Protein backbone atom coordinates (compact mmCIF):
# COMPACT_ATOMS: atom_id res chain seq x y z
CA GLN A 1 109.99 110.73 116.61
CA VAL A 2 109.87 109.56 113.02
CA GLN A 3 106.63 109.25 111.20
CA LEU A 4 106.38 106.85 108.24
CA VAL A 5 103.35 107.09 105.98
CA GLU A 6 102.72 104.39 103.47
CA SER A 7 100.51 104.68 100.42
CA GLY A 8 99.93 103.04 97.01
CA GLY A 9 98.17 99.87 98.05
CA GLY A 10 94.90 98.71 96.40
CA LEU A 11 93.25 95.84 94.57
CA VAL A 12 94.96 94.37 91.55
CA GLN A 13 94.60 91.17 89.50
CA ALA A 14 97.16 88.59 89.49
CA GLY A 15 100.04 89.43 87.15
CA GLY A 16 99.63 93.09 87.74
CA SER A 17 101.66 95.66 89.45
CA LEU A 18 101.70 98.26 92.21
CA ARG A 19 104.07 100.85 93.53
CA LEU A 20 104.16 101.47 97.34
CA SER A 21 105.50 104.64 98.69
CA CYS A 22 106.74 105.26 102.30
CA ALA A 23 107.18 108.95 103.14
CA ALA A 24 109.25 109.81 106.18
CA SER A 25 108.91 112.92 108.33
CA THR A 26 112.56 113.44 108.53
CA GLY A 27 115.73 112.76 106.44
CA ILE A 28 116.09 109.24 108.02
CA VAL A 29 115.64 107.71 104.54
CA SER A 30 119.06 108.82 103.67
CA ILE A 31 121.02 107.52 106.67
CA SER A 32 119.19 104.46 107.84
CA THR A 33 118.29 101.05 106.44
CA MET A 34 114.78 101.17 105.26
CA SER A 35 112.62 98.03 105.14
CA TRP A 36 109.30 96.77 103.85
CA TYR A 37 107.34 94.16 105.76
CA ARG A 38 104.00 92.58 105.10
CA GLN A 39 101.47 90.62 107.07
CA ALA A 40 98.85 88.32 105.43
CA PRO A 41 95.58 87.53 107.33
CA GLY A 42 96.17 85.04 110.01
CA LYS A 43 99.92 85.03 109.60
CA GLN A 44 102.94 86.65 111.23
CA ARG A 45 104.42 89.94 109.72
CA GLU A 46 107.40 88.93 107.47
CA TRP A 47 110.40 90.84 106.05
CA VAL A 48 110.05 91.56 102.34
CA ALA A 49 112.90 93.91 101.37
CA GLN A 50 115.35 96.32 102.68
CA ILE A 51 117.80 98.92 101.43
CA SER A 52 120.81 99.96 103.36
CA SER A 53 122.20 103.47 103.86
CA ASP A 54 124.82 102.72 101.30
CA SER A 55 122.04 101.53 98.82
CA ILE A 56 122.59 97.77 99.03
CA ALA A 57 119.22 96.09 98.50
CA ASP A 58 118.18 92.63 99.73
CA TYR A 59 114.93 90.71 99.15
CA ALA A 60 113.02 87.75 100.60
CA ALA A 61 113.25 84.79 98.29
CA SER A 62 109.50 84.95 97.65
CA VAL A 63 109.76 88.31 95.99
CA ARG A 64 113.25 88.36 94.58
CA ASP A 65 113.13 89.20 90.90
CA ARG A 66 109.64 90.64 91.12
CA PHE A 67 109.90 93.40 93.61
CA THR A 68 112.37 96.38 93.65
CA ILE A 69 113.00 98.75 96.53
CA SER A 70 114.42 102.14 95.97
CA ARG A 71 114.48 105.53 97.54
CA ASP A 72 114.36 109.17 96.85
CA HIS A 73 116.57 111.17 98.98
CA ALA A 74 115.18 114.57 98.18
CA LYS A 75 111.66 113.35 98.88
CA ASN A 76 112.51 111.29 102.06
CA THR A 77 110.57 108.48 100.48
CA VAL A 78 111.18 104.71 99.99
CA TYR A 79 109.37 102.89 97.26
CA LEU A 80 108.56 99.29 96.51
CA GLN A 81 107.84 98.34 93.06
CA MET A 82 105.86 95.16 92.91
CA ASN A 83 105.56 93.36 89.51
CA THR A 84 103.97 90.05 88.63
CA LEU A 85 101.84 89.96 91.75
CA ASN A 86 100.03 86.87 92.85
CA PRO A 87 97.46 86.12 95.47
CA GLU A 88 100.16 85.14 98.03
CA ASP A 89 101.37 88.71 98.10
CA THR A 90 98.13 89.89 99.66
CA GLY A 91 98.49 91.57 102.88
CA VAL A 92 99.17 94.84 104.67
CA TYR A 93 102.52 96.26 103.89
CA TYR A 94 104.41 98.22 106.41
CA CYS A 95 107.56 100.45 106.24
CA HIS A 96 110.11 100.17 108.98
CA THR A 97 113.37 101.87 110.14
CA PRO A 98 115.35 100.64 113.03
CA TYR A 99 115.83 104.24 114.21
CA LEU A 100 113.38 104.25 117.22
CA ASP A 101 112.03 100.98 115.80
CA SER A 102 109.59 103.15 113.76
CA TRP A 103 106.72 101.68 111.81
CA GLY A 104 104.13 103.17 109.45
CA GLN A 105 100.32 102.37 109.71
CA GLY A 106 100.48 100.09 106.84
CA THR A 107 98.83 99.84 103.40
CA GLN A 108 96.51 97.15 102.03
CA VAL A 109 97.40 95.13 98.91
CA THR A 110 94.99 92.74 97.61
CA VAL A 111 95.66 90.47 94.76
CA SER A 112 92.85 88.75 93.13
CA SER A 113 93.13 85.48 91.12
């Protein structure tokens, strides 16, 4: 079983930045595609970004050029640097790996206008 623990969420004003972290219980970060999803109140969960095992990053159009996904192999951690946040970025952010379809518990991001 893989455990994923997200952190770094919080309340920020529009235009601000946050960095989310997803710590894995195993070395899965180095060998699997890792993704971030988010779910806004009353909406379905949506894909935000992913980084492949060979470090190819991809982003949803709504966050491209504002968000950056990265990982630290030594720390078994994936990050999501979020800049120029706007209220539409509000939601619970989840980390995911297709290995055993594992999800974290989520971290709340709230962007005030």
